């Protein structure tokens, strides 16, 4: 896992490639095309790209209109603004009508870095997941991002795609085929399950190696589709390990950990202790990605500590 590429960069590259094969793709951006990466598409297909200015609500409303006319629309901005400022338009204009709009939100989470709390979306998974008909995806690396986009152009309906600025290690092969609604078991283990999303998946894989030194066998599930949830893969893993740690770069309140907790309470009929590695209901702040991961307890060491805590409860 030596090479590192940001998922926003992979989005930029694959979107431009897909534009050649799919003439119905139209891309909108909210005055951030150089940052989100949609400038690459704009250069190749200027007649299918629209810069909507700093007007995210108008962007989503326009996206809904284009989708109504039969276009496959990708609408991009920073996650904070795409999910927050335009939430009503996403809910009422896009999702309620089941329109084919893909909201590709970049710069999510605290690993956005020095831009600080105002730009760091740590609530977006919660507020997108609660919208009916909305698919929510979070890739773990560049190759999974590209595979997601290839799947999304075939998928009809609204989707929220959470992307990051921070370069991530490569985990998946270039020919990986992504299936919406299917989680991936990246490591087999017997003692505990680690369910991770996005940035936290490569960190979870680091933790697995640290846990081996303590004779702890950890299974890692990359939960790249938050909604719809792959209940079968998760429950099958928990039947084997009977303990779980959820790792997410998101507020723990209404985060993925609570989605998993609800699944366990409803569909697991055995004792299964769960611990969480997440942002503890705090806003972000300015700092380098590595500094912030350390400050907010989102490191491999933190995962290991929560694994040991869950295992102590399991006993």
Protein backbone atom coordinates (compact mmCIF):
# COMPACT_ATOMS: atom_id res chain seq x y z
CA UNK A 1 0.00 0.00 0.00
CA UNK A 2 2.80 2.45 -0.91
CA UNK A 3 1.09 4.47 -3.67
CA UNK A 4 -1.37 7.08 -2.44
CA UNK A 5 -4.07 8.80 -4.50
CA UNK A 6 -6.98 10.96 -3.31
CA UNK A 7 -10.45 9.68 -4.10
CA UNK A 8 -11.36 13.12 -5.53
CA UNK A 9 -8.52 12.69 -8.06
CA UNK A 10 -9.80 9.27 -9.07
CA UNK A 11 -13.28 10.77 -9.47
CA UNK A 12 -11.88 13.44 -11.77
CA UNK A 13 -10.05 10.93 -13.96
CA UNK A 14 -12.83 8.37 -14.25
CA UNK A 15 -15.59 10.93 -14.83
CA UNK A 16 -13.70 12.29 -17.83
CA UNK A 17 -13.25 8.74 -19.17
CA UNK A 18 -16.91 7.88 -18.71
CA UNK A 19 -17.91 11.04 -20.54
CA UNK A 20 -16.56 9.56 -23.76
CA UNK A 21 -18.64 6.38 -23.42
CA UNK A 22 -21.83 7.91 -22.03
CA UNK A 23 -23.06 10.97 -23.95
CA UNK A 24 -25.96 11.48 -21.52
CA UNK A 25 -23.61 12.36 -18.66
CA UNK A 26 -23.85 16.02 -17.67
CA UNK A 27 -21.69 17.54 -14.93
CA UNK A 28 -22.49 20.53 -12.70
CA UNK A 29 -20.20 22.24 -10.21
CA UNK A 30 -20.56 25.04 -7.68
CA UNK A 31 -17.49 27.16 -8.50
CA UNK A 32 -15.06 24.51 -7.25
CA UNK A 33 -14.21 22.57 -10.40
CA UNK A 34 -10.45 22.80 -9.90
CA UNK A 35 -10.80 21.40 -6.37
CA UNK A 36 -13.46 18.77 -7.02
CA UNK A 37 -11.73 17.69 -10.22
CA UNK A 38 -14.65 18.28 -12.58
CA UNK A 39 -12.50 20.76 -14.55
CA UNK A 40 -11.06 17.74 -16.36
CA UNK A 41 -14.52 16.80 -17.64
CA UNK A 42 -15.26 20.44 -18.47
CA UNK A 43 -12.17 20.67 -20.65
CA UNK A 44 -13.13 17.57 -22.65
CA UNK A 45 -16.88 18.19 -22.83
CA UNK A 46 -17.55 21.92 -22.39
CA UNK A 47 -21.05 21.58 -23.86
CA UNK A 48 -21.99 19.12 -21.08
CA UNK A 49 -20.50 21.03 -18.15
CA UNK A 50 -22.16 23.86 -16.23
CA UNK A 51 -20.48 25.94 -13.52
CA UNK A 52 -23.39 27.09 -11.37
CA UNK A 53 -21.35 29.48 -9.26
CA UNK A 54 -21.54 29.60 -5.48
CA UNK A 55 -25.17 28.52 -5.58
CA UNK A 56 -25.45 24.91 -4.48
CA UNK A 57 -29.24 24.97 -4.11
CA UNK A 58 -29.63 26.17 -7.70
CA UNK A 59 -27.14 23.55 -8.81
CA UNK A 60 -29.19 20.70 -7.34
CA UNK A 61 -32.46 22.11 -8.68
CA UNK A 62 -30.90 22.36 -12.15
CA UNK A 63 -29.55 18.83 -11.78
CA UNK A 64 -33.06 17.62 -11.04
CA UNK A 65 -34.36 19.31 -14.19
CA UNK A 66 -31.65 17.79 -16.36
CA UNK A 67 -32.31 14.35 -14.87
CA UNK A 68 -36.03 14.79 -15.59
CA UNK A 69 -35.01 15.35 -19.23
CA UNK A 70 -33.17 12.00 -19.28
CA UNK A 71 -29.63 13.03 -18.42
CA UNK A 72 -27.31 11.26 -15.98
CA UNK A 73 -26.21 14.15 -13.79
CA UNK A 74 -23.14 14.43 -11.58
CA UNK A 75 -23.33 17.45 -9.27
CA UNK A 76 -20.20 18.33 -7.32
CA UNK A 77 -19.14 20.56 -4.49
CA UNK A 78 -17.42 20.21 -1.13
CA UNK A 79 -19.29 17.72 1.07
CA UNK A 80 -20.10 20.40 3.64
CA UNK A 81 -21.98 22.48 1.07
CA UNK A 82 -23.34 19.69 -1.14
CA UNK A 83 -24.95 17.87 1.79
CA UNK A 84 -25.69 20.85 4.04
CA UNK A 85 -26.58 23.92 2.04
CA UNK A 86 -28.54 22.02 -0.63
CA UNK A 87 -30.24 19.46 1.63
CA UNK A 88 -33.80 20.61 0.98
CA UNK A 89 -33.33 20.52 -2.80
CA UNK A 90 -31.73 17.09 -2.58
CA UNK A 91 -34.63 15.79 -0.52
CA UNK A 92 -37.55 17.41 -2.35
CA UNK A 93 -36.37 17.87 -5.93
CA UNK A 94 -34.06 14.88 -6.38
CA UNK A 95 -34.83 12.04 -3.98
CA UNK A 96 -38.59 12.50 -3.69
CA UNK A 97 -38.80 12.22 -7.48
CA UNK A 98 -36.22 9.41 -7.65
CA UNK A 99 -34.21 11.41 -10.19
CA UNK A 100 -30.93 10.14 -11.58
CA UNK A 101 -28.65 12.65 -9.87
CA UNK A 102 -25.28 11.65 -8.42
CA UNK A 103 -24.09 14.08 -5.75
CA UNK A 104 -20.31 13.69 -5.82
CA UNK A 105 -19.20 15.46 -2.66
CA UNK A 106 -15.47 15.95 -2.22
CA UNK A 107 -13.33 17.16 0.70
CA UNK A 108 -15.37 15.21 3.27
CA UNK A 109 -14.33 14.61 6.87
CA UNK A 110 -11.59 16.15 8.97
CA UNK A 111 -8.84 14.96 6.60
CA UNK A 112 -9.75 17.98 4.49
CA UNK A 113 -7.16 19.50 6.81
CA UNK A 114 -6.23 23.13 7.25
CA UNK A 115 -9.48 24.60 5.87
CA UNK A 116 -10.93 23.94 9.32
CA UNK A 117 -14.30 23.28 10.93
CA UNK A 118 -16.45 25.33 8.56
CA UNK A 119 -15.44 23.12 5.62
CA UNK A 120 -15.10 19.73 7.36
CA UNK A 121 -18.26 17.68 6.84
CA UNK A 122 -18.61 15.24 9.74
CA UNK A 123 -22.40 14.97 9.64
CA UNK A 124 -23.00 14.27 5.94
CA UNK A 125 -23.44 10.48 6.08
CA UNK A 126 -26.16 10.89 8.70
CA UNK A 127 -28.13 13.56 6.87
CA UNK A 128 -27.86 11.83 3.48
CA UNK A 129 -28.65 8.35 4.79
CA UNK A 130 -31.91 9.49 6.37
CA UNK A 131 -33.33 10.56 2.98
CA UNK A 132 -35.58 7.88 1.44
CA UNK A 133 -34.41 6.43 -1.92
CA UNK A 134 -30.88 7.81 -1.42
CA UNK A 135 -27.92 5.49 -2.02
CA UNK A 136 -24.85 6.41 0.06
CA UNK A 137 -21.35 5.33 -1.03
CA UNK A 138 -17.92 5.90 0.53
CA UNK A 139 -14.90 4.50 -1.36
CA UNK A 140 -11.76 3.37 0.44
CA UNK A 141 -9.27 4.10 -2.33
CA UNK A 142 -8.85 5.43 -5.87
CA UNK A 143 -9.56 2.16 -7.65
CA UNK A 144 -12.75 1.58 -5.70
CA UNK A 145 -13.80 5.15 -6.55
CA UNK A 146 -13.40 4.47 -10.25
CA UNK A 147 -15.25 1.17 -9.95
CA UNK A 148 -18.07 2.95 -8.10
CA UNK A 149 -18.43 5.48 -10.90
CA UNK A 150 -18.64 2.71 -13.48
CA UNK A 151 -21.42 1.16 -11.42
CA UNK A 152 -23.18 4.48 -10.88
CA UNK A 153 -23.61 5.27 -14.57
CA UNK A 154 -25.64 2.04 -14.83
CA UNK A 155 -27.56 2.67 -11.61
CA UNK A 156 -30.77 4.66 -11.83
CA UNK A 157 -31.70 6.92 -8.95
CA UNK A 158 -30.17 9.42 -6.52
CA UNK A 159 -26.81 8.77 -4.91
CA UNK A 160 -24.49 10.53 -2.47
CA UNK A 161 -20.82 9.75 -3.18
CA UNK A 162 -18.50 10.81 -0.35
CA UNK A 163 -14.98 11.65 -1.54
CA UNK A 164 -11.86 12.99 0.14
CA UNK A 165 -8.95 15.34 -0.41
CA UNK A 166 -6.39 13.29 1.52
CA UNK A 167 -4.36 10.79 -0.60
CA UNK A 168 -5.10 7.19 0.44
CA UNK A 169 -3.14 3.95 -0.05
CA UNK A 170 -4.24 1.72 -2.91
CA UNK A 171 -6.15 -1.32 -1.62
CA UNK A 172 -8.10 -2.63 -4.61
CA UNK A 173 -6.88 -3.88 -8.00
CA UNK A 174 -7.53 -1.71 -11.06
CA UNK A 175 -9.96 -4.29 -12.46
CA UNK A 176 -12.03 -4.44 -9.25
CA UNK A 177 -15.76 -4.66 -9.98
CA UNK A 178 -17.89 -2.74 -7.50
CA UNK A 179 -21.42 -3.84 -6.67
CA UNK A 180 -23.74 -1.35 -5.00
CA UNK A 181 -25.00 -2.81 -1.73
CA UNK A 182 -22.12 -5.27 -1.30
CA UNK A 183 -19.45 -4.92 1.40
CA UNK A 184 -16.00 -6.44 0.95
CA UNK A 185 -14.24 -8.68 3.47
CA UNK A 186 -10.63 -7.55 3.04
CA UNK A 187 -9.11 -9.66 5.81
CA UNK A 188 -10.38 -12.87 7.34
CA UNK A 189 -10.28 -13.14 11.13
CA UNK A 190 -11.81 -15.07 14.00
CA UNK A 191 -11.61 -12.90 17.14
CA UNK A 192 -13.25 -9.62 16.15
CA UNK A 193 -14.77 -7.80 13.18
CA UNK A 194 -13.60 -4.30 12.23
CA UNK A 195 -16.13 -2.50 10.04
CA UNK A 196 -14.51 0.51 8.39
CA UNK A 197 -15.42 3.15 5.83
CA UNK A 198 -13.40 5.44 3.57
CA UNK A 199 -10.20 6.82 5.09
CA UNK A 200 -10.50 4.40 7.99
CA UNK A 201 -10.21 1.23 5.90
CA UNK A 202 -6.48 1.53 5.20
CA UNK A 203 -6.01 2.48 8.86
CA UNK A 204 -7.98 -0.62 9.90
CA UNK A 205 -5.66 -2.75 7.78
CA UNK A 206 -2.71 -1.21 9.63
CA UNK A 207 -4.39 -2.12 12.91
CA UNK A 208 -4.75 -5.76 11.81
CA UNK A 209 -0.97 -6.07 11.59
CA UNK A 210 -0.54 -4.49 15.02
CA UNK A 211 -3.13 -6.87 16.49
CA UNK A 212 -1.35 -9.89 15.04
CA UNK A 213 1.57 -9.14 17.34
CA UNK A 214 -0.86 -9.58 20.24
CA UNK A 215 -2.25 -12.84 18.80
CA UNK A 216 -5.57 -11.19 17.96
CA UNK A 217 -7.16 -12.26 14.69
CA UNK A 218 -9.22 -9.39 13.21
CA UNK A 219 -11.58 -9.52 10.26
CA UNK A 220 -11.91 -6.30 8.23
CA UNK A 221 -15.07 -5.37 6.33
CA UNK A 222 -14.88 -2.37 4.02
CA UNK A 223 -18.41 -0.99 4.21
CA UNK A 224 -18.32 1.16 1.09
CA UNK A 225 -22.09 1.07 0.64
CA UNK A 226 -23.66 2.63 3.71
CA UNK A 227 -27.13 2.47 2.18
CA UNK A 228 -28.42 -0.04 1.20
CA UNK A 229 -26.66 -1.97 3.96
CA UNK A 230 -25.12 -5.37 3.25
CA UNK A 231 -26.70 -7.07 6.27
CA UNK A 232 -25.75 -10.58 5.18
CA UNK A 233 -21.99 -10.00 5.03
CA UNK A 234 -21.98 -8.17 8.36
CA UNK A 235 -24.11 -10.71 10.23
CA UNK A 236 -22.13 -13.67 8.84
CA UNK A 237 -18.93 -12.07 10.11
CA UNK A 238 -20.41 -11.32 13.54
CA UNK A 239 -21.64 -14.90 13.88
CA UNK A 240 -18.01 -15.93 13.59
CA UNK A 241 -16.28 -13.27 15.72
CA UNK A 242 -19.05 -12.17 18.12
CA UNK A 243 -17.45 -8.75 18.66
CA UNK A 244 -17.12 -5.64 16.51
CA UNK A 245 -15.41 -2.26 16.23
CA UNK A 246 -16.81 0.34 13.81
CA UNK A 247 -14.27 2.85 12.45
CA UNK A 248 -15.50 5.98 10.67
CA UNK A 249 -14.29 9.51 9.93
CA UNK A 250 -17.66 10.95 10.94
CA UNK A 251 -19.49 12.06 14.04
CA UNK A 252 -20.31 9.01 16.18
CA UNK A 253 -23.78 10.51 16.76
CA UNK A 254 -26.05 9.09 14.03
CA UNK A 255 -23.00 7.66 12.30
CA UNK A 256 -22.32 4.24 10.80
CA UNK A 257 -21.78 2.83 14.29
CA UNK A 258 -25.42 3.54 15.10
CA UNK A 259 -26.54 1.92 11.84
CA UNK A 260 -24.57 -1.19 12.80
CA UNK A 261 -25.83 -1.00 16.38
CA UNK A 262 -29.42 -0.98 15.14
CA UNK A 263 -28.71 -3.98 12.94
CA UNK A 264 -27.24 -5.91 15.87
CA UNK A 265 -30.14 -5.05 18.17
CA UNK A 266 -32.72 -6.17 15.61
CA UNK A 267 -31.15 -9.16 13.89
CA UNK A 268 -28.37 -10.63 16.06
CA UNK A 269 -29.55 -13.07 18.73
CA UNK A 270 -26.28 -13.42 20.63
CA UNK A 271 -24.17 -11.13 22.80
CA UNK A 272 -21.95 -9.02 20.51
CA UNK A 273 -20.07 -6.15 22.18
CA UNK A 274 -19.45 -3.15 19.94
CA UNK A 275 -16.98 -0.31 20.29
CA UNK A 276 -16.57 2.78 18.12
CA UNK A 277 -13.68 4.71 16.59
CA UNK A 278 -15.26 7.96 15.43
CA UNK A 279 -15.36 11.70 16.06
CA UNK A 280 -16.76 12.16 19.56
CA UNK A 281 -19.43 14.78 18.83
CA UNK A 282 -16.93 17.57 18.26
CA UNK A 283 -16.43 20.00 15.42
CA UNK A 284 -13.25 19.77 13.38
CA UNK A 285 -10.43 22.28 13.44
CA UNK A 286 -7.49 23.39 11.34
CA UNK A 287 -4.50 21.06 11.13
CA UNK A 288 -2.78 18.57 8.87
CA UNK A 289 -4.72 15.36 8.16
CA UNK A 290 -2.32 13.28 10.25
CA UNK A 291 -2.49 15.72 13.16
CA UNK A 292 -6.28 15.66 13.07
CA UNK A 293 -6.51 11.87 12.85
CA UNK A 294 -4.35 11.73 15.97
CA UNK A 295 -6.29 14.47 17.79
CA UNK A 296 -9.68 12.89 17.09
CA UNK A 297 -8.66 9.33 17.92
CA UNK A 298 -8.79 7.92 14.40
CA UNK A 299 -5.50 6.01 14.23
CA UNK A 300 -4.54 2.36 14.03
CA UNK A 301 -3.54 2.56 17.69
CA UNK A 302 -7.03 3.80 18.58
CA UNK A 303 -8.61 0.93 16.68
CA UNK A 304 -6.41 -1.54 18.54
CA UNK A 305 -7.43 -0.06 21.88
CA UNK A 306 -11.11 -0.38 21.04
CA UNK A 307 -10.59 -3.93 19.80
CA UNK A 308 -9.06 -4.90 23.13
CA UNK A 309 -11.90 -3.18 24.97
CA UNK A 310 -14.52 -5.07 22.96
CA UNK A 311 -12.68 -8.35 23.49
CA UNK A 312 -12.54 -7.76 27.25
CA UNK A 313 -16.32 -7.34 27.24
CA UNK A 314 -16.72 -10.41 25.07
CA UNK A 315 -15.00 -12.53 27.74
